[in-house]
């Protein structure tokens, strides 16, 4: 069976010469070793109306214009869909992002864990491209938790008054570098303004990004202290090795630094509390990123009073089992358990 190839620029130049010499498309097809349909399509692609010096018009072929249009068509068509023959992978990724609130990158990490079940695999860039092009049935850019991560410029704020307790400026360098396990950031995630009295207390371990979420009945300092008391009692003697320090902002719910530091099980401190500079949320960067993940399941404006302990626990488990690029696609739970075994 005779094989035919696509037209190249040199073929178009030869076609121009042959058509000017009066050759018919069928003859040209034999000379250029192309299918006659290819020649007709090519003549149509490069067709233009030429005005002669006597103001008469005639139809001609422009090889440059034909080449330009051909390249544009190829660019729009793009490469064939790699995922096209693997419906199982497409459905799995679509479900993780649209239903389970995974990012495309994390969804692919989950898929790689089950690589043997799929006939192909794609990269993160290709996944985003497919979403942009509308390849998936129920997955669009609106379903993505974060489309593009814009880094905000960090600005140093001059402190007008002393911190309630120890300033972050005096926090040891080993905590900043995330080399040591057992140092946490703490914040509150609040519900619908003017409606919700309760809030969520969130603690993020800096090295492993492990998350602890506790529902508070109100947003007062004594509720935060009582929550830390419950965590200390739950962990027992291990608490003092796992919760070496906690960094907080200057919110009123964290005003009682002595209460947060004071142990409910023994004499003296249970942990060290450090305060960020005012308006410097980037100093609790892990906490801020984790809060955005919580918002995938509990959006702003949600009445947290109506959320049960089981609802909160499901979000906590989801976060701790989430594969993270910054952890080489391990989950926080995996690394946290490794750290506990090492203690």
Foldseek 3Di string as FASTA:
>chain_A
DQDADADDLVLLVVLQVCVVVPDDLVVSCVVSVHDSVNSVVLQVQQWDWDQDPVRDIDIGGDSVSSNVVVVVVDVVVDDDDPCVVWVVLLVQLQCCQQPVVAASQLSLLVCVVVVVVTPDGDHSVVVLVCQPVVVDDPGHPVSHLDDDDDDDDFDDDDFPDDALDAAPVPPDPCQVVLVAAQEKEWDWADAAPPFAAKIWIWIATSNLRQIDIDIFNHLALVSVLVVLQVVCVVCDPCQLVRHAEYEYERDRNNNPQVSNQAHPPDGGGSYYYHYYGPPGCVVNVSVVVLSSQLCSQVNHNHRCVPPDPVNVVVSSVSQQCGQDVVVVGHGSVVVVVVVVVVD
